Amino acid sequence: MASGSYKGIEYSIIQSINPRGWRWTIQVSPDRVQSGTALTQHDAKVEAFRTVDQVTAPPRCGDLDLQHYYVCIRPVKAALPSEACC
C-alpha cells in the first residue's frame, strides 16, 4: 500500500483482487472522496495525481460561477489577448 499527500490532498493506492489491479483514492474534502482503478501501481499513482491536478486547477471561464462571470466580462479598453481575464 502506498499513501501520501500531493498538493495538500491525501491519496492512497492499494492492490485490488477484484477487479484485478490497483485502486487509488484521494480525499478531496472531508466529505468527498474520488477513486479509480488502474492495471499497475505506477498507472494508479499517475491517475491519482492527474485527478488531484484537476481538482486543484483554477476554474476555466466556462466553469466560473455567475458572480465571477459578471466581474470577468467587464468592459476593458483595448484589451490585449494576454490581458484577458481568464
Protein backbone atom coordinates (compact mmCIF):
# COMPACT_ATOMS: atom_id res chain seq x y z
CA MET A 1 0.00 0.00 0.00
CA ALA A 2 1.23 3.46 -0.87
CA SER A 3 -0.11 6.65 0.63
CA GLY A 4 0.90 10.24 0.94
CA SER A 5 -0.01 13.78 0.13
CA TYR A 6 0.18 15.59 -3.21
CA LYS A 7 -0.60 19.32 -3.38
CA GLY A 8 -2.05 19.06 0.11
CA ILE A 9 -4.54 16.31 -0.82
CA GLU A 10 -4.21 12.87 0.77
CA TYR A 11 -4.07 9.84 -1.53
CA SER A 12 -3.75 6.09 -1.08
CA ILE A 13 -3.05 3.25 -3.51
CA ILE A 14 -3.84 -0.37 -2.67
CA GLN A 15 -3.65 -3.60 -4.64
CA SER A 16 -7.05 -4.90 -5.66
CA ILE A 17 -8.04 -8.52 -6.22
CA ASN A 18 -11.37 -7.92 -7.90
CA PRO A 19 -11.15 -6.08 -10.22
CA ARG A 20 -7.54 -7.11 -10.62
CA GLY A 21 -5.09 -4.22 -10.49
CA TRP A 22 -4.58 -1.21 -8.24
CA ARG A 23 -7.15 1.09 -6.65
CA TRP A 24 -6.37 4.75 -5.94
CA THR A 25 -8.35 7.01 -3.64
CA ILE A 26 -8.00 10.73 -2.95
CA GLN A 27 -9.63 12.68 -0.13
CA VAL A 28 -10.83 15.80 -1.98
CA SER A 29 -12.55 17.25 1.09
CA PRO A 30 -13.70 15.92 4.46
CA ASP A 31 -16.94 14.68 2.88
CA ARG A 32 -15.81 13.95 -0.71
CA VAL A 33 -13.67 11.06 -1.97
CA GLN A 34 -12.72 10.18 -5.54
CA SER A 35 -11.30 6.82 -6.60
CA GLY A 36 -10.47 4.69 -9.60
CA THR A 37 -8.57 1.63 -10.76
CA ALA A 38 -5.53 1.02 -12.92
CA LEU A 39 -3.59 -2.02 -14.12
CA THR A 40 -0.28 -1.09 -12.48
CA GLN A 41 0.71 0.71 -9.30
CA HIS A 42 2.51 3.35 -11.36
CA ASP A 43 -0.58 3.98 -13.50
CA ALA A 44 -2.71 4.26 -10.36
CA LYS A 45 -0.37 6.90 -8.95
CA VAL A 46 -0.41 8.82 -12.24
CA GLU A 47 -4.24 8.72 -12.33
CA ALA A 48 -4.48 9.86 -8.70
CA PHE A 49 -2.08 12.76 -9.30
CA ARG A 50 -3.91 13.73 -12.51
CA THR A 51 -7.19 13.84 -10.60
CA VAL A 52 -5.61 15.98 -7.86
CA ASP A 53 -4.32 18.34 -10.56
CA GLN A 54 -7.84 18.63 -12.00
CA VAL A 55 -9.38 19.23 -8.57
CA THR A 56 -6.85 21.91 -7.62
CA ALA A 57 -6.74 23.65 -11.02
CA PRO A 58 -8.14 27.19 -11.18
CA PRO A 59 -11.58 27.36 -12.83
CA ARG A 60 -11.79 27.85 -16.58
CA CYS A 61 -14.04 30.57 -17.98
CA GLY A 62 -16.81 28.06 -18.67
CA ASP A 63 -16.66 26.80 -15.07
CA LEU A 64 -16.96 30.17 -13.34
CA ASP A 65 -19.87 30.90 -11.08
CA LEU A 66 -22.25 33.66 -12.10
CA GLN A 67 -20.85 36.25 -9.66
CA HIS A 68 -17.31 35.87 -11.03
CA TYR A 69 -18.64 35.83 -14.59
CA TYR A 70 -20.09 39.32 -14.26
CA VAL A 71 -16.77 40.60 -12.93
CA CYS A 72 -14.94 38.78 -15.72
CA ILE A 73 -16.88 40.39 -18.61
CA ARG A 74 -16.48 43.99 -17.50
CA PRO A 75 -15.57 46.34 -20.37
CA VAL A 76 -11.84 46.66 -20.94
CA LYS A 77 -10.43 49.29 -23.28
CA ALA A 78 -8.13 47.89 -25.98
CA ALA A 79 -7.51 44.64 -24.11
CA LEU A 80 -4.71 42.54 -25.48
CA PRO A 81 -5.15 38.75 -25.64
CA SER A 82 -2.66 38.39 -22.78
CA GLU A 83 -4.80 40.72 -20.64
CA ALA A 84 -7.95 38.60 -20.90
CA CYS A 85 -9.49 37.84 -17.55
CA CYS A 86 -9.36 34.10 -17.96
